């Protein structure tokens, strides 16, 4: 598996991965992230297994294909993002809090109810 910046050819697969994780993403925002080099993908054999969408220091979305979850792909994507940023910020719901905590994010309640905000420096 390799972690790399996404290309425009990856766009349909990335959108499928985000849709499969029920993440609301905007096609134009994803395309712009590709242009900026702010969309990372985990791929093997040309197939996108997961994606991490960055907007500055904010992780807007991270998702892995359902059949490939719990194999370290999401962790590898976030670690690759951390290699590119001095600080990372993510907002998430309670069910994925253990994932973010395992990656060293300091977690507090977010402004929205039932949401958390994690920071990794």
N, C-alpha and C. Protein backbone atom coordinates (compact mmCIF):
# COMPACT_ATOMS: atom_id res chain seq x y z
N UNK A 1 0.84 -1.18 0.00
CA UNK A 1 0.00 0.00 0.00
C UNK A 1 0.89 1.24 0.00
N UNK A 2 0.49 2.22 -0.77
CA UNK A 2 1.19 3.49 -0.79
C UNK A 2 0.25 4.62 -0.39
N UNK A 3 0.81 5.63 0.27
CA UNK A 3 0.07 6.85 0.57
C UNK A 3 0.66 7.92 -0.34
N UNK A 4 -0.20 8.59 -1.09
CA UNK A 4 0.26 9.59 -2.05
C UNK A 4 -0.78 10.69 -2.20
N UNK A 5 -0.37 11.78 -2.82
CA UNK A 5 -1.32 12.83 -3.16
C UNK A 5 -2.23 12.31 -4.26
N UNK A 6 -3.49 12.66 -4.16
CA UNK A 6 -4.47 12.22 -5.16
C UNK A 6 -4.28 12.97 -6.47
N UNK A 7 -4.69 12.33 -7.53
CA UNK A 7 -4.73 12.95 -8.85
C UNK A 7 -6.19 13.08 -9.26
N UNK A 8 -6.43 13.84 -10.30
CA UNK A 8 -7.80 14.02 -10.78
C UNK A 8 -8.40 12.68 -11.21
N UNK A 9 -7.57 11.75 -11.63
CA UNK A 9 -8.07 10.42 -12.00
C UNK A 9 -8.62 9.65 -10.80
N UNK A 10 -8.18 10.02 -9.60
CA UNK A 10 -8.66 9.37 -8.38
C UNK A 10 -10.02 9.90 -7.92
N UNK A 11 -10.47 11.01 -8.48
CA UNK A 11 -11.67 11.69 -7.99
C UNK A 11 -12.89 10.76 -7.85
N UNK A 12 -13.29 10.01 -8.87
CA UNK A 12 -14.47 9.15 -8.70
C UNK A 12 -14.31 8.14 -7.56
N UNK A 13 -13.14 7.53 -7.43
CA UNK A 13 -12.92 6.54 -6.37
C UNK A 13 -12.95 7.20 -5.00
N UNK A 14 -12.37 8.39 -4.89
CA UNK A 14 -12.37 9.11 -3.61
C UNK A 14 -13.80 9.44 -3.20
N UNK A 15 -14.60 9.93 -4.13
CA UNK A 15 -15.99 10.26 -3.82
C UNK A 15 -16.75 9.02 -3.39
N UNK A 16 -16.48 7.89 -4.00
CA UNK A 16 -17.11 6.63 -3.61
C UNK A 16 -16.73 6.25 -2.18
N UNK A 17 -15.45 6.41 -1.83
CA UNK A 17 -14.99 6.10 -0.48
C UNK A 17 -15.68 7.01 0.53
N UNK A 18 -15.73 8.31 0.26
CA UNK A 18 -16.38 9.25 1.18
C UNK A 18 -17.88 8.96 1.28
N UNK A 19 -18.53 8.68 0.15
CA UNK A 19 -19.96 8.36 0.18
C UNK A 19 -20.22 7.09 0.99
N UNK A 20 -19.35 6.09 0.83
CA UNK A 20 -19.50 4.84 1.56
C UNK A 20 -19.39 5.02 3.07
N UNK A 21 -18.68 6.05 3.48
CA UNK A 21 -18.53 6.34 4.91
C UNK A 21 -19.58 7.36 5.38
N UNK A 22 -20.49 7.70 4.48
CA UNK A 22 -21.56 8.65 4.76
C UNK A 22 -20.99 10.01 5.20
N UNK A 23 -19.97 10.46 4.48
CA UNK A 23 -19.37 11.76 4.73
C UNK A 23 -19.84 12.73 3.65
N UNK A 24 -20.35 13.85 4.09
CA UNK A 24 -20.80 14.86 3.14
C UNK A 24 -19.60 15.63 2.63
N UNK A 25 -19.31 15.45 1.36
CA UNK A 25 -18.21 16.18 0.74
C UNK A 25 -18.72 16.83 -0.54
N UNK A 26 -18.13 17.94 -0.86
CA UNK A 26 -18.49 18.70 -2.04
C UNK A 26 -17.50 18.38 -3.14
N UNK A 27 -17.99 18.00 -4.31
CA UNK A 27 -17.13 17.63 -5.43
C UNK A 27 -16.13 18.73 -5.75
N UNK A 28 -16.59 19.98 -5.77
CA UNK A 28 -15.68 21.08 -6.09
C UNK A 28 -14.59 21.23 -5.03
N UNK A 29 -14.94 21.06 -3.76
CA UNK A 29 -13.95 21.15 -2.68
C UNK A 29 -12.92 20.04 -2.80
N UNK A 30 -13.37 18.84 -3.16
CA UNK A 30 -12.45 17.72 -3.34
C UNK A 30 -11.53 17.98 -4.52
N UNK A 31 -12.09 18.46 -5.61
CA UNK A 31 -11.27 18.78 -6.80
C UNK A 31 -10.23 19.85 -6.48
N UNK A 32 -10.63 20.88 -5.73
CA UNK A 32 -9.69 21.94 -5.34
C UNK A 32 -8.59 21.39 -4.43
N UNK A 33 -8.95 20.47 -3.54
CA UNK A 33 -7.95 19.86 -2.66
C UNK A 33 -6.93 19.07 -3.48
N UNK A 34 -7.39 18.40 -4.53
CA UNK A 34 -6.47 17.69 -5.41
C UNK A 34 -5.50 18.69 -6.05
N UNK A 35 -6.04 19.80 -6.54
CA UNK A 35 -5.20 20.82 -7.18
C UNK A 35 -4.16 21.38 -6.22
N UNK A 36 -4.52 21.52 -4.93
CA UNK A 36 -3.60 22.07 -3.91
C UNK A 36 -2.65 21.02 -3.36
N UNK A 37 -2.89 19.74 -3.66
CA UNK A 37 -2.09 18.67 -3.07
C UNK A 37 -2.53 18.33 -1.67
N UNK A 38 -3.78 18.66 -1.33
CA UNK A 38 -4.31 18.46 0.02
C UNK A 38 -5.27 17.27 0.15
N UNK A 39 -5.22 16.38 -0.81
CA UNK A 39 -6.02 15.15 -0.72
C UNK A 39 -5.05 13.98 -0.82
N UNK A 40 -4.98 13.21 0.24
CA UNK A 40 -4.11 12.04 0.28
C UNK A 40 -4.95 10.79 0.06
N UNK A 41 -4.38 9.84 -0.65
CA UNK A 41 -5.06 8.56 -0.84
C UNK A 41 -4.13 7.42 -0.44
N UNK A 42 -4.74 6.37 0.05
CA UNK A 42 -4.06 5.10 0.27
C UNK A 42 -4.49 4.22 -0.89
N UNK A 43 -3.52 3.68 -1.60
CA UNK A 43 -3.85 2.90 -2.79
C UNK A 43 -2.96 1.67 -2.87
N UNK A 44 -3.49 0.66 -3.51
CA UNK A 44 -2.71 -0.53 -3.81
C UNK A 44 -3.17 -1.04 -5.17
N UNK A 45 -2.21 -1.36 -6.00
CA UNK A 45 -2.54 -1.86 -7.33
C UNK A 45 -3.43 -0.91 -8.12
N UNK A 46 -3.29 0.39 -7.89
CA UNK A 46 -4.10 1.38 -8.60
C UNK A 46 -5.49 1.58 -8.01
N UNK A 47 -5.85 0.84 -6.97
CA UNK A 47 -7.18 0.97 -6.36
C UNK A 47 -7.09 1.82 -5.10
N UNK A 48 -7.95 2.83 -5.02
CA UNK A 48 -8.00 3.70 -3.85
C UNK A 48 -8.72 2.97 -2.72
N UNK A 49 -8.03 2.82 -1.59
CA UNK A 49 -8.59 2.13 -0.43
C UNK A 49 -9.13 3.10 0.61
N UNK A 50 -8.57 4.32 0.64
CA UNK A 50 -8.98 5.32 1.61
C UNK A 50 -8.49 6.68 1.18
N UNK A 51 -9.03 7.71 1.84
CA UNK A 51 -8.67 9.08 1.48
C UNK A 51 -8.74 9.99 2.71
N UNK A 52 -7.91 11.02 2.69
CA UNK A 52 -7.86 12.02 3.76
C UNK A 52 -7.86 13.40 3.10
N UNK A 53 -8.90 14.17 3.38
CA UNK A 53 -9.08 15.50 2.80
C UNK A 53 -8.66 16.56 3.82
N UNK A 54 -7.68 17.36 3.44
CA UNK A 54 -7.16 18.42 4.31
C UNK A 54 -7.58 19.78 3.78
N UNK A 55 -7.81 20.69 4.72
CA UNK A 55 -8.01 22.10 4.40
C UNK A 55 -7.14 22.86 5.39
N UNK A 56 -5.92 23.18 4.96
CA UNK A 56 -4.96 23.75 5.90
C UNK A 56 -4.61 22.71 6.93
N UNK A 57 -4.79 23.06 8.20
CA UNK A 57 -4.47 22.12 9.28
C UNK A 57 -5.67 21.26 9.67
N UNK A 58 -6.80 21.49 9.04
CA UNK A 58 -8.04 20.77 9.38
C UNK A 58 -8.22 19.54 8.51
N UNK A 59 -8.46 18.41 9.17
CA UNK A 59 -8.84 17.20 8.45
C UNK A 59 -10.35 17.29 8.25
N UNK A 60 -10.74 17.55 7.02
CA UNK A 60 -12.17 17.68 6.71
C UNK A 60 -12.86 16.32 6.64
N UNK A 61 -12.13 15.32 6.18
CA UNK A 61 -12.71 13.98 6.05
C UNK A 61 -11.59 12.96 5.95
N UNK A 62 -11.81 11.83 6.56
CA UNK A 62 -10.93 10.67 6.39
C UNK A 62 -11.83 9.44 6.36
N UNK A 63 -11.62 8.59 5.36
CA UNK A 63 -12.48 7.42 5.21
C UNK A 63 -11.71 6.29 4.54
N UNK A 64 -12.16 5.08 4.84
CA UNK A 64 -11.56 3.87 4.28
C UNK A 64 -12.70 2.98 3.78
N UNK A 65 -12.46 2.30 2.66
CA UNK A 65 -13.48 1.37 2.16
C UNK A 65 -13.87 0.39 3.26
N UNK A 66 -15.15 0.12 3.35
CA UNK A 66 -15.69 -0.72 4.43
C UNK A 66 -14.94 -2.06 4.55
N UNK A 67 -14.69 -2.71 3.46
CA UNK A 67 -14.04 -4.03 3.50
C UNK A 67 -12.57 -3.95 3.92
N UNK A 68 -12.00 -2.75 3.95
CA UNK A 68 -10.59 -2.60 4.29
C UNK A 68 -10.37 -1.88 5.63
N UNK A 69 -11.44 -1.67 6.38
CA UNK A 69 -11.31 -1.01 7.68
C UNK A 69 -10.61 -1.92 8.68
N UNK A 70 -10.06 -1.30 9.73
CA UNK A 70 -9.35 -2.02 10.79
C UNK A 70 -8.09 -2.71 10.29
N UNK A 71 -7.48 -2.13 9.26
CA UNK A 71 -6.23 -2.67 8.72
C UNK A 71 -5.11 -1.62 8.77
N UNK A 72 -5.34 -0.52 9.50
CA UNK A 72 -4.32 0.51 9.65
C UNK A 72 -4.28 1.55 8.54
N UNK A 73 -5.22 1.50 7.63
CA UNK A 73 -5.21 2.42 6.50
C UNK A 73 -5.54 3.85 6.95
N UNK A 74 -6.56 4.00 7.77
CA UNK A 74 -6.91 5.33 8.28
C UNK A 74 -5.77 5.91 9.10
N UNK A 75 -5.15 5.08 9.90
CA UNK A 75 -4.00 5.52 10.70
C UNK A 75 -2.87 5.99 9.79
N UNK A 76 -2.58 5.24 8.75
CA UNK A 76 -1.51 5.61 7.82
C UNK A 76 -1.82 6.93 7.13
N UNK A 77 -3.07 7.15 6.79
CA UNK A 77 -3.46 8.42 6.14
C UNK A 77 -3.26 9.60 7.09
N UNK A 78 -3.70 9.46 8.34
CA UNK A 78 -3.56 10.55 9.29
C UNK A 78 -2.08 10.79 9.61
N UNK A 79 -1.30 9.73 9.73
CA UNK A 79 0.14 9.89 9.98
C UNK A 79 0.81 10.60 8.81
N UNK A 80 0.41 10.28 7.58
CA UNK A 80 0.97 10.97 6.41
C UNK A 80 0.57 12.45 6.42
N UNK A 81 -0.64 12.75 6.85
CA UNK A 81 -1.07 14.15 6.97
C UNK A 81 -0.25 14.86 8.03
N UNK A 82 0.04 14.17 9.14
CA UNK A 82 0.84 14.76 10.22
C UNK A 82 2.27 15.04 9.75
N UNK A 83 2.76 14.24 8.83
CA UNK A 83 4.09 14.49 8.27
C UNK A 83 4.13 15.77 7.43
N UNK A 84 2.96 16.18 6.95
CA UNK A 84 2.88 17.35 6.07
C UNK A 84 2.45 18.63 6.81
N UNK A 85 2.00 18.48 8.05
CA UNK A 85 1.51 19.63 8.82
C UNK A 85 2.12 19.60 10.22
N UNK A 86 2.36 20.78 10.77
CA UNK A 86 2.86 20.85 12.15
C UNK A 86 1.74 20.61 13.15
N UNK A 87 0.53 20.91 12.74
CA UNK A 87 -0.64 20.80 13.63
C UNK A 87 -1.80 20.27 12.82
N UNK A 88 -2.58 19.38 13.40
CA UNK A 88 -3.79 18.86 12.77
C UNK A 88 -4.97 19.05 13.70
N UNK A 89 -6.12 19.34 13.11
CA UNK A 89 -7.36 19.51 13.86
C UNK A 89 -8.43 18.66 13.18
N UNK A 90 -9.25 17.99 13.97
CA UNK A 90 -10.35 17.19 13.42
C UNK A 90 -11.56 17.31 14.33
N UNK A 91 -12.75 17.35 13.74
CA UNK A 91 -14.00 17.27 14.49
C UNK A 91 -14.66 15.96 14.14
N UNK A 92 -15.27 15.32 15.14
CA UNK A 92 -15.81 13.99 14.93
C UNK A 92 -16.87 13.66 15.96
N UNK A 93 -17.57 12.55 15.72
CA UNK A 93 -18.60 12.13 16.67
C UNK A 93 -18.02 11.11 17.65
N UNK A 94 -18.76 10.81 18.73
CA UNK A 94 -18.22 9.97 19.80
C UNK A 94 -17.78 8.57 19.37
N UNK A 95 -18.43 8.00 18.36
CA UNK A 95 -18.09 6.61 18.01
C UNK A 95 -16.69 6.44 17.46
N UNK A 96 -16.06 7.52 16.93
CA UNK A 96 -14.70 7.41 16.41
C UNK A 96 -13.67 8.08 17.32
N UNK A 97 -14.10 8.48 18.50
CA UNK A 97 -13.17 9.10 19.45
C UNK A 97 -11.96 8.21 19.75
N UNK A 98 -12.13 6.90 19.96
CA UNK A 98 -10.96 6.06 20.24
C UNK A 98 -9.91 6.09 19.12
N UNK A 99 -10.36 6.17 17.87
CA UNK A 99 -9.43 6.25 16.74
C UNK A 99 -8.54 7.48 16.87
N UNK A 100 -9.16 8.64 17.08
CA UNK A 100 -8.40 9.89 17.17
C UNK A 100 -7.51 9.91 18.41
N UNK A 101 -8.00 9.40 19.51
CA UNK A 101 -7.19 9.35 20.73
C UNK A 101 -5.97 8.46 20.52
N UNK A 102 -6.12 7.35 19.80
CA UNK A 102 -5.00 6.44 19.57
C UNK A 102 -3.91 7.08 18.71
N UNK A 103 -4.26 8.14 18.00
CA UNK A 103 -3.30 8.84 17.14
C UNK A 103 -2.67 10.04 17.85
N UNK A 104 -2.94 10.18 19.13
CA UNK A 104 -2.31 11.24 19.91
C UNK A 104 -3.01 12.59 19.86
N UNK A 105 -4.26 12.61 19.45
CA UNK A 105 -5.01 13.86 19.44
C UNK A 105 -5.50 14.17 20.85
N UNK A 106 -5.32 15.43 21.26
CA UNK A 106 -5.89 15.92 22.52
C UNK A 106 -7.35 16.26 22.22
N UNK A 107 -8.26 15.69 22.98
CA UNK A 107 -9.68 15.76 22.63
C UNK A 107 -10.47 16.55 23.66
N UNK A 108 -11.32 17.45 23.17
CA UNK A 108 -12.25 18.23 23.98
C UNK A 108 -13.61 18.22 23.31
N UNK A 109 -14.62 18.64 24.05
CA UNK A 109 -15.95 18.79 23.46
C UNK A 109 -15.91 19.90 22.42
N UNK A 110 -16.62 19.69 21.32
CA UNK A 110 -16.74 20.72 20.28
C UNK A 110 -17.92 21.62 20.60
N UNK A 111 -18.12 22.65 19.80
CA UNK A 111 -19.22 23.57 20.02
C UNK A 111 -20.58 22.91 19.79
N UNK A 112 -20.63 21.98 18.85
CA UNK A 112 -21.89 21.28 18.56
C UNK A 112 -22.11 20.16 19.56
N UNK A 113 -23.36 19.89 19.93
CA UNK A 113 -23.63 18.77 20.85
C UNK A 113 -23.22 17.44 20.21
N UNK A 114 -22.75 16.52 21.02
CA UNK A 114 -22.35 15.18 20.57
C UNK A 114 -21.25 15.21 19.52
N UNK A 115 -20.39 16.22 19.58
CA UNK A 115 -19.23 16.31 18.69
C UNK A 115 -17.99 16.58 19.52
N UNK A 116 -16.87 16.12 19.03
CA UNK A 116 -15.59 16.34 19.68
C UNK A 116 -14.63 17.02 18.71
N UNK A 117 -13.63 17.67 19.29
CA UNK A 117 -12.60 18.34 18.51
C UNK A 117 -11.26 17.82 19.03
N UNK A 118 -10.45 17.32 18.12
CA UNK A 118 -9.14 16.82 18.48
C UNK A 118 -8.05 17.66 17.84
N UNK A 119 -6.96 17.85 18.56
CA UNK A 119 -5.81 18.60 18.07
C UNK A 119 -4.56 17.77 18.29
N UNK A 120 -3.74 17.72 17.29
CA UNK A 120 -2.44 17.03 17.38
C UNK A 120 -1.36 18.00 16.95
N UNK A 121 -0.41 18.23 17.85
CA UNK A 121 0.69 19.14 17.53
C UNK A 121 2.01 18.43 17.57
